[in-house]
Amino acid sequence: MTIVPLITVLIPCHSTEYLRAALDSIAIQTLDKDQFEVLVIADRVEPAAVEELILNAEFGFRVLRSPNPGIVAALNFGLRNTSAELIARMDEDDLMTSRRLEIQKKFLDANPDYA
């Protein structure tokens, strides 16, 4: 039985140059690690290169190869490959503050009319 995380952090990735820092910022999230996963869509980069960076992660992750080039195709592919209730969008060179997912989840819980 597969457990579907509440949140998928969706990252299209065409270079691993800054990805390590992005993943490190995800690793320090205050939200429970079982409530989210990271889905990296490899676009113009080998999935194995991404997996090496995530290998010892304390959060759930998946790496999928985008069947078509480009960020829009990668994002749409990622959206089709998750069942999470919420999507947290992030680029490979972005950094999260440690409470980003916790704060956004609390806001959405308190404001059900927002999406």
PDB file of N, CA and C in Angstrom:
ATOM      1  N   MET A   1       0.836  -1.184   0.000  1.00  0.00           N
ATOM      2  CA  MET A   1       0.000   0.000   0.000  1.00  0.00           C
ATOM      3  C   MET A   1       0.882   1.249   0.000  1.00  0.00           C
ATOM      4  N   THR A   2       0.668   2.118  -0.963  1.00  0.00           N
ATOM      5  CA  THR A   2       1.436   3.347  -1.078  1.00  0.00           C
ATOM      6  C   THR A   2       0.746   4.458  -0.299  1.00  0.00           C
ATOM      7  N   ILE A   3       1.498   5.158   0.510  1.00  0.00           N
ATOM      8  CA  ILE A   3       0.954   6.290   1.261  1.00  0.00           C
ATOM      9  C   ILE A   3       1.151   7.546   0.435  1.00  0.00           C
ATOM     10  N   VAL A   4       0.062   8.261   0.196  1.00  0.00           N
ATOM     11  CA  VAL A   4       0.122   9.492  -0.582  1.00  0.00           C
ATOM     12  C   VAL A   4       0.431  10.637   0.368  1.00  0.00           C
ATOM     13  N   PRO A   5       1.493  11.392   0.105  1.00  0.00           N
ATOM     14  CA  PRO A   5       1.810  12.526   0.971  1.00  0.00           C
ATOM     15  C   PRO A   5       0.787  13.644   0.794  1.00  0.00           C
ATOM     16  N   LEU A   6       0.650  14.469   1.796  1.00  0.00           N
ATOM     17  CA  LEU A   6      -0.258  15.616   1.729  1.00  0.00           C
ATOM     18  C   LEU A   6       0.248  16.638   0.717  1.00  0.00           C
ATOM     19  N   ILE A   7       1.558  16.839   0.686  1.00  0.00           N
ATOM     20  CA  ILE A   7       2.166  17.872  -0.159  1.00  0.00           C
ATOM     21  C   ILE A   7       3.241  17.247  -1.041  1.00  0.00           C
ATOM     22  N   THR A   8       3.248  17.623  -2.303  1.00  0.00           N
ATOM     23  CA  THR A   8       4.359  17.297  -3.187  1.00  0.00           C
ATOM     24  C   THR A   8       5.091  18.588  -3.510  1.00  0.00           C
ATOM     25  N   VAL A   9       6.378  18.624  -3.218  1.00  0.00           N
ATOM     26  CA  VAL A   9       7.228  19.728  -3.635  1.00  0.00           C
ATOM     27  C   VAL A   9       7.686  19.377  -5.042  1.00  0.00           C
ATOM     28  N   LEU A  10       7.214  20.133  -6.017  1.00  0.00           N
ATOM     29  CA  LEU A  10       7.460  19.834  -7.419  1.00  0.00           C
ATOM     30  C   LEU A  10       8.585  20.705  -7.961  1.00  0.00           C
ATOM     31  N   ILE A  11       9.654  20.056  -8.414  1.00  0.00           N
ATOM     32  CA  ILE A  11      10.838  20.768  -8.898  1.00  0.00           C
ATOM     33  C   ILE A  11      11.200  20.283 -10.301  1.00  0.00           C
ATOM     34  N   PRO A  12      11.007  21.132 -11.328  1.00  0.00           N
ATOM     35  CA  PRO A  12      11.557  20.785 -12.637  1.00  0.00           C
ATOM     36  C   PRO A  12      13.061  21.060 -12.593  1.00  0.00           C
ATOM     37  N   CYS A  13      13.844  20.183 -13.177  1.00  0.00           N
ATOM     38  CA  CYS A  13      15.293  20.320 -13.024  1.00  0.00           C
ATOM     39  C   CYS A  13      16.004  20.096 -14.359  1.00  0.00           C
ATOM     40  N   HIS A  14      16.734  21.107 -14.820  1.00  0.00           N
ATOM     41  CA  HIS A  14      17.524  20.928 -16.043  1.00  0.00           C
ATOM     42  C   HIS A  14      19.021  21.046 -15.787  1.00  0.00           C
ATOM     43  N   SER A  15      19.397  21.290 -14.530  1.00  0.00           N
ATOM     44  CA  SER A  15      20.797  21.355 -14.130  1.00  0.00           C
ATOM     45  C   SER A  15      20.878  21.048 -12.640  1.00  0.00           C
ATOM     46  N   THR A  16      21.935  20.400 -12.224  1.00  0.00           N
ATOM     47  CA  THR A  16      22.087  20.104 -10.799  1.00  0.00           C
ATOM     48  C   THR A  16      23.014  21.099 -10.097  1.00  0.00           C
ATOM     49  N   GLU A  17      23.395  22.160 -10.779  1.00  0.00           N
ATOM     50  CA  GLU A  17      24.363  23.111 -10.228  1.00  0.00           C
ATOM     51  C   GLU A  17      23.944  23.657  -8.861  1.00  0.00           C
ATOM     52  N   TYR A  18      22.673  24.037  -8.709  1.00  0.00           N
ATOM     53  CA  TYR A  18      22.194  24.630  -7.461  1.00  0.00           C
ATOM     54  C   TYR A  18      21.237  23.718  -6.703  1.00  0.00           C
ATOM     55  N   LEU A  19      20.957  22.562  -7.243  1.00  0.00           N
ATOM     56  CA  LEU A  19      19.943  21.685  -6.666  1.00  0.00           C
ATOM     57  C   LEU A  19      20.280  21.242  -5.245  1.00  0.00           C
ATOM     58  N   ARG A  20      21.545  20.989  -4.950  1.00  0.00           N
ATOM     59  CA  ARG A  20      21.932  20.558  -3.602  1.00  0.00           C
ATOM     60  C   ARG A  20      21.464  21.561  -2.545  1.00  0.00           C
ATOM     61  N   ALA A  21      21.658  22.848  -2.785  1.00  0.00           N
ATOM     62  CA  ALA A  21      21.227  23.873  -1.823  1.00  0.00           C
ATOM     63  C   ALA A  21      19.709  23.877  -1.684  1.00  0.00           C
ATOM     64  N   ALA A  22      19.000  23.710  -2.793  1.00  0.00           N
ATOM     65  CA  ALA A  22      17.540  23.657  -2.743  1.00  0.00           C
ATOM     66  C   ALA A  22      17.077  22.480  -1.892  1.00  0.00           C
ATOM     67  N   LEU A  23      17.674  21.322  -2.110  1.00  0.00           N
ATOM     68  CA  LEU A  23      17.311  20.127  -1.345  1.00  0.00           C
ATOM     69  C   LEU A  23      17.660  20.273   0.132  1.00  0.00           C
ATOM     70  N   ASP A  24      18.786  20.918   0.422  1.00  0.00           N
ATOM     71  CA  ASP A  24      19.160  21.158   1.819  1.00  0.00           C
ATOM     72  C   ASP A  24      18.124  22.038   2.511  1.00  0.00           C
ATOM     73  N   SER A  25      17.567  23.017   1.780  1.00  0.00           N
ATOM     74  CA  SER A  25      16.548  23.882   2.384  1.00  0.00           C
ATOM     75  C   SER A  25      15.242  23.116   2.614  1.00  0.00           C
ATOM     76  N   ILE A  26      14.982  22.118   1.813  1.00  0.00           N
ATOM     77  CA  ILE A  26      13.800  21.272   2.029  1.00  0.00           C
ATOM     78  C   ILE A  26      14.024  20.362   3.231  1.00  0.00           C
ATOM     79  N   ALA A  27      15.232  19.893   3.409  1.00  0.00           N
ATOM     80  CA  ALA A  27      15.554  18.959   4.491  1.00  0.00           C
ATOM     81  C   ALA A  27      15.349  19.558   5.874  1.00  0.00           C
ATOM     82  N   ILE A  28      15.365  20.879   5.999  1.00  0.00           N
ATOM     83  CA  ILE A  28      15.216  21.513   7.317  1.00  0.00           C
ATOM     84  C   ILE A  28      13.794  22.010   7.574  1.00  0.00           C
ATOM     85  N   GLN A  29      12.844  21.554   6.773  1.00  0.00           N
ATOM     86  CA  GLN A  29      11.457  21.965   6.977  1.00  0.00           C
ATOM     87  C   GLN A  29      10.958  21.522   8.345  1.00  0.00           C
ATOM     88  N   THR A  30      10.161  22.382   8.996  1.00  0.00           N
ATOM     89  CA  THR A  30       9.604  22.062  10.308  1.00  0.00           C
ATOM     90  C   THR A  30       8.359  21.187  10.199  1.00  0.00           C
ATOM     91  N   LEU A  31       7.754  21.126   9.028  1.00  0.00           N
ATOM     92  CA  LEU A  31       6.615  20.234   8.814  1.00  0.00           C
ATOM     93  C   LEU A  31       7.116  18.793   8.889  1.00  0.00           C
ATOM     94  N   ASP A  32       6.316  17.914   9.480  1.00  0.00           N
ATOM     95  CA  ASP A  32       6.710  16.509   9.590  1.00  0.00           C
ATOM     96  C   ASP A  32       7.096  15.954   8.228  1.00  0.00           C
ATOM     97  N   LYS A  33       8.207  15.250   8.176  1.00  0.00           N
ATOM     98  CA  LYS A  33       8.747  14.730   6.918  1.00  0.00           C
ATOM     99  C   LYS A  33       7.810  13.731   6.237  1.00  0.00           C
ATOM    100  N   ASP A  34       6.919  13.103   7.001  1.00  0.00           N
ATOM    101  CA  ASP A  34       5.992  12.149   6.378  1.00  0.00           C
ATOM    102  C   ASP A  34       4.799  12.836   5.717  1.00  0.00           C
ATOM    103  N   GLN A  35       4.704  14.156   5.850  1.00  0.00           N
ATOM    104  CA  GLN A  35       3.597  14.890   5.239  1.00  0.00           C
ATOM    105  C   GLN A  35       3.923  15.411   3.837  1.00  0.00           C
ATOM    106  N   PHE A  36       5.172  15.295   3.420  1.00  0.00           N
ATOM    107  CA  PHE A  36       5.514  15.790   2.089  1.00  0.00           C
ATOM    108  C   PHE A  36       6.529  14.885   1.407  1.00  0.00           C
ATOM    109  N   GLU A  37       6.559  15.015   0.105  1.00  0.00           N
ATOM    110  CA  GLU A  37       7.553  14.347  -0.715  1.00  0.00           C
ATOM    111  C   GLU A  37       8.134  15.383  -1.668  1.00  0.00           C
ATOM    112  N   VAL A  38       9.265  15.060  -2.238  1.00  0.00           N
ATOM    113  CA  VAL A  38       9.877  15.894  -3.269  1.00  0.00           C
ATOM    114  C   VAL A  38       9.817  15.109  -4.566  1.00  0.00           C
ATOM    115  N   LEU A  39       9.266  15.731  -5.589  1.00  0.00           N
ATOM    116  CA  LEU A  39       9.205  15.124  -6.912  1.00  0.00           C
ATOM    117  C   LEU A  39      10.023  15.994  -7.854  1.00  0.00           C
ATOM    118  N   VAL A  40      11.170  15.464  -8.263  1.00  0.00           N
ATOM    119  CA  VAL A  40      12.050  16.172  -9.194  1.00  0.00           C
ATOM    120  C   VAL A  40      11.795  15.610 -10.586  1.00  0.00           C
ATOM    121  N   ILE A  41      11.482  16.503 -11.505  1.00  0.00           N
ATOM    122  CA  ILE A  41      11.291  16.099 -12.896  1.00  0.00           C
ATOM    123  C   ILE A  41      12.563  16.455 -13.650  1.00  0.00           C
ATOM    124  N   ALA A  42      13.308  15.429 -14.025  1.00  0.00           N
ATOM    125  CA  ALA A  42      14.590  15.606 -14.716  1.00  0.00           C
ATOM    126  C   ALA A  42      14.329  16.010 -16.164  1.00  0.00           C
ATOM    127  N   ASP A  43      14.695  17.219 -16.487  1.00  0.00           N
ATOM    128  CA  ASP A  43      14.517  17.777 -17.826  1.00  0.00           C
ATOM    129  C   ASP A  43      15.890  18.232 -18.300  1.00  0.00           C
ATOM    130  N   ARG A  44      16.470  17.532 -19.218  1.00  0.00           N
ATOM    131  CA  ARG A  44      17.810  17.819 -19.745  1.00  0.00           C
ATOM    132  C   ARG A  44      18.920  17.497 -18.742  1.00  0.00           C
ATOM    133  N   VAL A  45      18.626  16.663 -17.781  1.00  0.00           N
ATOM    134  CA  VAL A  45      19.633  16.195 -16.833  1.00  0.00           C
ATOM    135  C   VAL A  45      19.331  14.719 -16.566  1.00  0.00           C
ATOM    136  N   GLU A  46      20.352  13.950 -16.326  1.00  0.00           N
ATOM    137  CA  GLU A  46      20.159  12.528 -16.070  1.00  0.00           C
ATOM    138  C   GLU A  46      19.539  12.317 -14.680  1.00  0.00           C
ATOM    139  N   PRO A  47      18.504  11.514 -14.586  1.00  0.00           N
ATOM    140  CA  PRO A  47      17.906  11.237 -13.283  1.00  0.00           C
ATOM    141  C   PRO A  47      18.916  10.722 -12.259  1.00  0.00           C
ATOM    142  N   ALA A  48      19.892   9.947 -12.695  1.00  0.00           N
ATOM    143  CA  ALA A  48      20.903   9.417 -11.772  1.00  0.00           C
ATOM    144  C   ALA A  48      21.690  10.537 -11.094  1.00  0.00           C
ATOM    145  N   ALA A  49      21.943  11.623 -11.809  1.00  0.00           N
ATOM    146  CA  ALA A  49      22.672  12.758 -11.223  1.00  0.00           C
ATOM    147  C   ALA A  49      21.847  13.403 -10.112  1.00  0.00           C
ATOM    148  N   VAL A  50      20.545  13.464 -10.309  1.00  0.00           N
ATOM    149  CA  VAL A  50      19.656  14.015  -9.282  1.00  0.00           C
ATOM    150  C   VAL A  50      19.576  13.062  -8.100  1.00  0.00           C
ATOM    151  N   GLU A  51      19.413  11.778  -8.379  1.00  0.00           N
ATOM    152  CA  GLU A  51      19.289  10.780  -7.312  1.00  0.00           C
ATOM    153  C   GLU A  51      20.516  10.751  -6.412  1.00  0.00           C
ATOM    154  N   GLU A  52      21.694  10.986  -6.958  1.00  0.00           N
ATOM    155  CA  GLU A  52      22.921  11.036  -6.143  1.00  0.00           C
ATOM    156  C   GLU A  52      22.832  12.123  -5.086  1.00  0.00           C
ATOM    157  N   LEU A  53      22.220  13.258  -5.431  1.00  0.00           N
ATOM    158  CA  LEU A  53      22.101  14.368  -4.490  1.00  0.00           C
ATOM    159  C   LEU A  53      21.072  14.089  -3.404  1.00  0.00           C
ATOM    160  N   ILE A  54      20.103  13.243  -3.685  1.00  0.00           N
ATOM    161  CA  ILE A  54      18.997  12.992  -2.766  1.00  0.00           C
ATOM    162  C   ILE A  54      19.205  11.704  -1.970  1.00  0.00           C
ATOM    163  N   LEU A  55      20.205  10.942  -2.306  1.00  0.00           N
ATOM    164  CA  LEU A  55      20.388   9.586  -1.817  1.00  0.00           C
ATOM    165  C   LEU A  55      20.115   9.391  -0.328  1.00  0.00           C
ATOM    166  N   ASN A  56      20.604  10.255   0.532  1.00  0.00           N
ATOM    167  CA  ASN A  56      20.434  10.081   1.974  1.00  0.00           C
ATOM    168  C   ASN A  56      19.382  11.014   2.560  1.00  0.00           C
ATOM    169  N   ALA A  57      18.416  11.368   1.764  1.00  0.00           N
ATOM    170  CA  ALA A  57      17.380  12.302   2.216  1.00  0.00           C
ATOM    171  C   ALA A  57      16.538  11.701   3.329  1.00  0.00           C
ATOM    172  N   GLU A  58      16.087  12.558   4.224  1.00  0.00           N
ATOM    173  CA  GLU A  58      15.205  12.137   5.319  1.00  0.00           C
ATOM    174  C   GLU A  58      13.743  12.382   4.964  1.00  0.00           C
ATOM    175  N   PHE A  59      13.472  12.705   3.729  1.00  0.00           N
ATOM    176  CA  PHE A  59      12.106  12.908   3.259  1.00  0.00           C
ATOM    177  C   PHE A  59      11.888  12.016   2.046  1.00  0.00           C
ATOM    178  N   GLY A  60      10.637  11.762   1.736  1.00  0.00           N
ATOM    179  CA  GLY A  60      10.331  10.947   0.572  1.00  0.00           C
ATOM    180  C   GLY A  60      10.645  11.717  -0.705  1.00  0.00           C
ATOM    181  N   PHE A  61      11.106  11.008  -1.702  1.00  0.00           N
ATOM    182  CA  PHE A  61      11.410  11.673  -2.965  1.00  0.00           C
ATOM    183  C   PHE A  61      11.219  10.713  -4.125  1.00  0.00           C
ATOM    184  N   ARG A  62      10.972  11.308  -5.265  1.00  0.00           N
ATOM    185  CA  ARG A  62      10.930  10.562  -6.521  1.00  0.00           C
ATOM    186  C   ARG A  62      11.597  11.426  -7.576  1.00  0.00           C
ATOM    187  N   VAL A  63      12.236  10.770  -8.506  1.00  0.00           N
ATOM    188  CA  VAL A  63      12.855  11.450  -9.654  1.00  0.00           C
ATOM    189  C   VAL A  63      12.297  10.790 -10.900  1.00  0.00           C
ATOM    190  N   LEU A  64      11.701  11.591 -11.766  1.00  0.00           N
ATOM    191  CA  LEU A  64      11.150  11.087 -13.020  1.00  0.00           C
ATOM    192  C   LEU A  64      11.756  11.868 -14.174  1.00  0.00           C
ATOM    193  N   ARG A  65      11.954  11.191 -15.299  1.00  0.00           N
ATOM    194  CA  ARG A  65      12.478  11.860 -16.493  1.00  0.00           C
ATOM    195  C   ARG A  65      11.299  12.436 -17.264  1.00  0.00           C
ATOM    196  N   SER A  66      11.406  13.707 -17.623  1.00  0.00           N
ATOM    197  CA  SER A  66      10.379  14.353 -18.438  1.00  0.00           C
ATOM    198  C   SER A  66      10.426  13.791 -19.849  1.00  0.00           C
ATOM    199  N   PRO A  67       9.275  13.402 -20.395  1.00  0.00           N
ATOM    200  CA  PRO A  67       9.276  12.855 -21.749  1.00  0.00           C
ATOM    201  C   PRO A  67       9.462  13.926 -22.831  1.00  0.00           C
ATOM    202  N   ASN A  68       9.245  15.188 -22.463  1.00  0.00           N
ATOM    203  CA  ASN A  68       9.384  16.300 -23.410  1.00  0.00           C
ATOM    204  C   ASN A  68      10.231  17.399 -22.780  1.00  0.00           C
ATOM    205  N   PRO A  69      11.039  18.090 -23.589  1.00  0.00           N
ATOM    206  CA  PRO A  69      11.883  19.155 -23.034  1.00  0.00           C
ATOM    207  C   PRO A  69      11.082  20.405 -22.665  1.00  0.00           C
ATOM    208  N   GLY A  70      11.604  21.130 -21.707  1.00  0.00           N
ATOM    209  CA  GLY A  70      11.022  22.412 -21.333  1.00  0.00           C
ATOM    210  C   GLY A  70      10.331  22.377 -19.980  1.00  0.00           C
ATOM    211  N   ILE A  71      10.316  23.540 -19.332  1.00  0.00           N
ATOM    212  CA  ILE A  71       9.781  23.646 -17.974  1.00  0.00           C
ATOM    213  C   ILE A  71       8.281  23.383 -17.918  1.00  0.00           C
ATOM    214  N   VAL A  72       7.532  23.872 -18.890  1.00  0.00           N
ATOM    215  CA  VAL A  72       6.082  23.668 -18.879  1.00  0.00           C
ATOM    216  C   VAL A  72       5.753  22.184 -19.009  1.00  0.00           C
ATOM    217  N   ALA A  73       6.417  21.505 -19.931  1.00  0.00           N
ATOM    218  CA  ALA A  73       6.200  20.062 -20.100  1.00  0.00           C
ATOM    219  C   ALA A  73       6.587  19.314 -18.824  1.00  0.00           C
ATOM    220  N   ALA A  74       7.694  19.706 -18.206  1.00  0.00           N
ATOM    221  CA  ALA A  74       8.141  19.049 -16.975  1.00  0.00           C
ATOM    222  C   ALA A  74       7.131  19.249 -15.845  1.00  0.00           C
ATOM    223  N   LEU A  75       6.622  20.465 -15.700  1.00  0.00           N
ATOM    224  CA  LEU A  75       5.639  20.731 -14.645  1.00  0.00           C
ATOM    225  C   LEU A  75       4.347  19.962 -14.887  1.00  0.00           C
ATOM    226  N   ASN A  76       3.861  19.967 -16.099  1.00  0.00           N
ATOM    227  CA  ASN A  76       2.631  19.237 -16.402  1.00  0.00           C
ATOM    228  C   ASN A  76       2.817  17.739 -16.174  1.00  0.00           C
ATOM    229  N   PHE A  77       3.966  17.214 -16.556  1.00  0.00           N
ATOM    230  CA  PHE A  77       4.272  15.805 -16.327  1.00  0.00           C
ATOM    231  C   PHE A  77       4.287  15.514 -14.819  1.00  0.00           C
ATOM    232  N   GLY A  78       4.904  16.406 -14.053  1.00  0.00           N
ATOM    233  CA  GLY A  78       4.939  16.236 -12.601  1.00  0.00           C
ATOM    234  C   GLY A  78       3.547  16.256 -11.989  1.00  0.00           C
ATOM    235  N   LEU A  79       2.707  17.167 -12.440  1.00  0.00           N
ATOM    236  CA  LEU A  79       1.346  17.242 -11.919  1.00  0.00           C
ATOM    237  C   LEU A  79       0.554  15.972 -12.223  1.00  0.00           C
ATOM    238  N   ARG A  80       0.789  15.395 -13.378  1.00  0.00           N
ATOM    239  CA  ARG A  80       0.096  14.148 -13.736  1.00  0.00           C
ATOM    240  C   ARG A  80       0.615  12.953 -12.928  1.00  0.00           C
ATOM    241  N   ASN A  81       1.751  13.100 -12.286  1.00  0.00           N
ATOM    242  CA  ASN A  81       2.376  11.981 -11.581  1.00  0.00           C
ATOM    243  C   ASN A  81       2.396  12.149 -10.072  1.00  0.00           C
ATOM    244  N   THR A  82       1.448  12.901  -9.564  1.00  0.00           N
ATOM    245  CA  THR A  82       1.309  13.005  -8.118  1.00  0.00           C
ATOM    246  C   THR A  82      -0.156  12.939  -7.747  1.00  0.00           C
ATOM    247  N   SER A  83      -0.415  12.409  -6.567  1.00  0.00           N
ATOM    248  CA  SER A  83      -1.776  12.343  -6.039  1.00  0.00           C
ATOM    249  C   SER A  83      -1.924  13.207  -4.797  1.00  0.00           C
ATOM    250  N   ALA A  84      -0.892  13.969  -4.481  1.00  0.00           N
ATOM    251  CA  ALA A  84      -0.932  14.804  -3.281  1.00  0.00           C
ATOM    252  C   ALA A  84      -2.045  15.840  -3.391  1.00  0.00           C
ATOM    253  N   GLU A  85      -2.581  16.190  -2.253  1.00  0.00           N
ATOM    254  CA  GLU A  85      -3.641  17.200  -2.195  1.00  0.00           C
ATOM    255  C   GLU A  85      -3.112  18.588  -2.534  1.00  0.00           C
ATOM    256  N   LEU A  86      -1.863  18.863  -2.127  1.00  0.00           N
ATOM    257  CA  LEU A  86      -1.270  20.179  -2.321  1.00  0.00           C
ATOM    258  C   LEU A  86       0.049  20.071  -3.085  1.00  0.00           C
ATOM    259  N   ILE A  87       0.332  21.099  -3.878  1.00  0.00           N
ATOM    260  CA  ILE A  87       1.591  21.181  -4.620  1.00  0.00           C
ATOM    261  C   ILE A  87       2.333  22.419  -4.149  1.00  0.00           C
ATOM    262  N   ALA A  88       3.587  22.252  -3.775  1.00  0.00           N
ATOM    263  CA  ALA A  88       4.467  23.376  -3.456  1.00  0.00           C
ATOM    264  C   ALA A  88       5.461  23.481  -4.611  1.00  0.00           C
ATOM    265  N   ARG A  89       5.386  24.532  -5.363  1.00  0.00           N
ATOM    266  CA  ARG A  89       6.209  24.711  -6.558  1.00  0.00           C
ATOM    267  C   ARG A  89       7.545  25.318  -6.164  1.00  0.00           C
ATOM    268  N   MET A  90       8.581  24.799  -6.763  1.00  0.00           N
ATOM    269  CA  MET A  90       9.927  25.275  -6.450  1.00  0.00           C
ATOM    270  C   MET A  90      10.807  25.053  -7.671  1.00  0.00           C
ATOM    271  N   ASP A  91      11.730  25.958  -7.919  1.00  0.00           N
ATOM    272  CA  ASP A  91      12.717  25.763  -8.971  1.00  0.00           C
ATOM    273  C   ASP A  91      13.979  25.174  -8.352  1.00  0.00           C
ATOM    274  N   GLU A  92      14.820  24.619  -9.181  1.00  0.00           N
ATOM    275  CA  GLU A  92      16.043  23.950  -8.714  1.00  0.00           C
ATOM    276  C   GLU A  92      17.028  24.898  -8.042  1.00  0.00           C
ATOM    277  N   ASP A  93      16.894  26.196  -8.297  1.00  0.00           N
ATOM    278  CA  ASP A  93      17.814  27.161  -7.689  1.00  0.00           C
ATOM    279  C   ASP A  93      17.128  28.005  -6.615  1.00  0.00           C
ATOM    280  N   ASP A  94      15.950  27.574  -6.153  1.00  0.00           N
ATOM    281  CA  ASP A  94      15.237  28.271  -5.069  1.00  0.00           C
ATOM    282  C   ASP A  94      15.641  27.695  -3.725  1.00  0.00           C
ATOM    283  N   LEU A  95      15.426  28.488  -2.696  1.00  0.00           N
ATOM    284  CA  LEU A  95      15.621  28.044  -1.323  1.00  0.00           C
ATOM    285  C   LEU A  95      14.333  28.273  -0.553  1.00  0.00           C
ATOM    286  N   MET A  96      13.984  27.341   0.335  1.00  0.00           N
ATOM    287  CA  MET A  96      12.821  27.487   1.206  1.00  0.00           C
ATOM    288  C   MET A  96      13.275  27.957   2.572  1.00  0.00           C
ATOM    289  N   THR A  97      12.467  28.827   3.180  1.00  0.00           N
ATOM    290  CA  THR A  97      12.705  29.086   4.593  1.00  0.00           C
ATOM    291  C   THR A  97      12.281  27.832   5.343  1.00  0.00           C
ATOM    292  N   SER A  98      12.797  27.630   6.523  1.00  0.00           N
ATOM    293  CA  SER A  98      12.568  26.370   7.245  1.00  0.00           C
ATOM    294  C   SER A  98      11.100  26.120   7.582  1.00  0.00           C
ATOM    295  N   ARG A  99      10.283  27.160   7.644  1.00  0.00           N
ATOM    296  CA  ARG A  99       8.872  26.993   8.019  1.00  0.00           C
ATOM    297  C   ARG A  99       7.919  27.154   6.844  1.00  0.00           C
ATOM    298  N   ARG A 100       8.431  27.226   5.611  1.00  0.00           N
ATOM    299  CA  ARG A 100       7.555  27.497   4.466  1.00  0.00           C
ATOM    300  C   ARG A 100       6.365  26.535   4.388  1.00  0.00           C
ATOM    301  N   LEU A 101       6.626  25.237   4.366  1.00  0.00           N
ATOM    302  CA  LEU A 101       5.537  24.276   4.204  1.00  0.00           C
ATOM    303  C   LEU A 101       4.583  24.300   5.392  1.00  0.00           C
ATOM    304  N   GLU A 102       5.113  24.433   6.586  1.00  0.00           N
ATOM    305  CA  GLU A 102       4.278  24.495   7.785  1.00  0.00           C
ATOM    306  C   GLU A 102       3.354  25.714   7.733  1.00  0.00           C
ATOM    307  N   ILE A 103       3.901  26.874   7.401  1.00  0.00           N
ATOM    308  CA  ILE A 103       3.106  28.109   7.357  1.00  0.00           C
ATOM    309  C   ILE A 103       2.048  28.037   6.266  1.00  0.00           C
ATOM    310  N   GLN A 104       2.431  27.572   5.082  1.00  0.00           N
ATOM    311  CA  GLN A 104       1.466  27.505   3.994  1.00  0.00           C
ATOM    312  C   GLN A 104       0.358  26.495   4.294  1.00  0.00           C
ATOM    313  N   LYS A 105       0.703  25.371   4.912  1.00  0.00           N
ATOM    314  CA  LYS A 105      -0.316  24.380   5.278  1.00  0.00           C
ATOM    315  C   LYS A 105      -1.275  24.960   6.309  1.00  0.00           C
ATOM    316  N   LYS A 106      -0.758  25.627   7.336  1.00  0.00           N
ATOM    317  CA  LYS A 106      -1.616  26.231   8.360  1.00  0.00           C
ATOM    318  C   LYS A 106      -2.553  27.269   7.743  1.00  0.00           C
ATOM    319  N   PHE A 107      -2.032  28.069   6.820  1.00  0.00           N
ATOM    320  CA  PHE A 107      -2.857  29.072   6.161  1.00  0.00           C
ATOM    321  C   PHE A 107      -3.984  28.412   5.370  1.00  0.00           C
ATOM    322  N   LEU A 108      -3.656  27.403   4.595  1.00  0.00           N
ATOM    323  CA  LEU A 108      -4.674  26.726   3.792  1.00  0.00           C
ATOM    324  C   LEU A 108      -5.688  25.990   4.666  1.00  0.00           C
ATOM    325  N   ASP A 109      -5.248  25.423   5.772  1.00  0.00           N
ATOM    326  CA  ASP A 109      -6.181  24.768   6.705  1.00  0.00           C
ATOM    327  C   ASP A 109      -7.165  25.778   7.292  1.00  0.00           C
ATOM    328  N   ALA A 110      -6.667  26.989   7.596  1.00  0.00           N
ATOM    329  CA  ALA A 110      -7.504  28.025   8.201  1.00  0.00           C
ATOM    330  C   ALA A 110      -8.346  28.786   7.171  1.00  0.00           C
ATOM    331  N   ASN A 111      -8.014  28.637   5.900  1.00  0.00           N
ATOM    332  CA  ASN A 111      -8.695  29.372   4.825  1.00  0.00           C
ATOM    333  C   ASN A 111      -9.072  28.416   3.700  1.00  0.00           C
ATOM    334  N   PRO A 112     -10.091  27.590   3.905  1.00  0.00           N
ATOM    335  CA  PRO A 112     -10.428  26.561   2.915  1.00  0.00           C
ATOM    336  C   PRO A 112     -10.906  27.106   1.566  1.00  0.00           C
ATOM    337  N   ASP A 113     -11.213  28.393   1.487  1.00  0.00           N
ATOM    338  CA  ASP A 113     -11.634  28.973   0.211  1.00  0.00           C
ATOM    339  C   ASP A 113     -10.459  29.296  -0.703  1.00  0.00           C
ATOM    340  N   TYR A 114      -9.240  29.192  -0.189  1.00  0.00           N
ATOM    341  CA  TYR A 114      -8.047  29.445  -0.986  1.00  0.00           C
ATOM    342  C   TYR A 114      -7.563  28.150  -1.621  1.00  0.00           C
ATOM    343  N   ALA A 115      -6.886  28.289  -2.733  1.00  0.00           N
ATOM    344  CA  ALA A 115      -6.329  27.108  -3.401  1.00  0.00           C
ATOM    345  C   ALA A 115      -4.842  27.315  -3.629  1.00  0.00           C
TER     346      ALA A 115
END
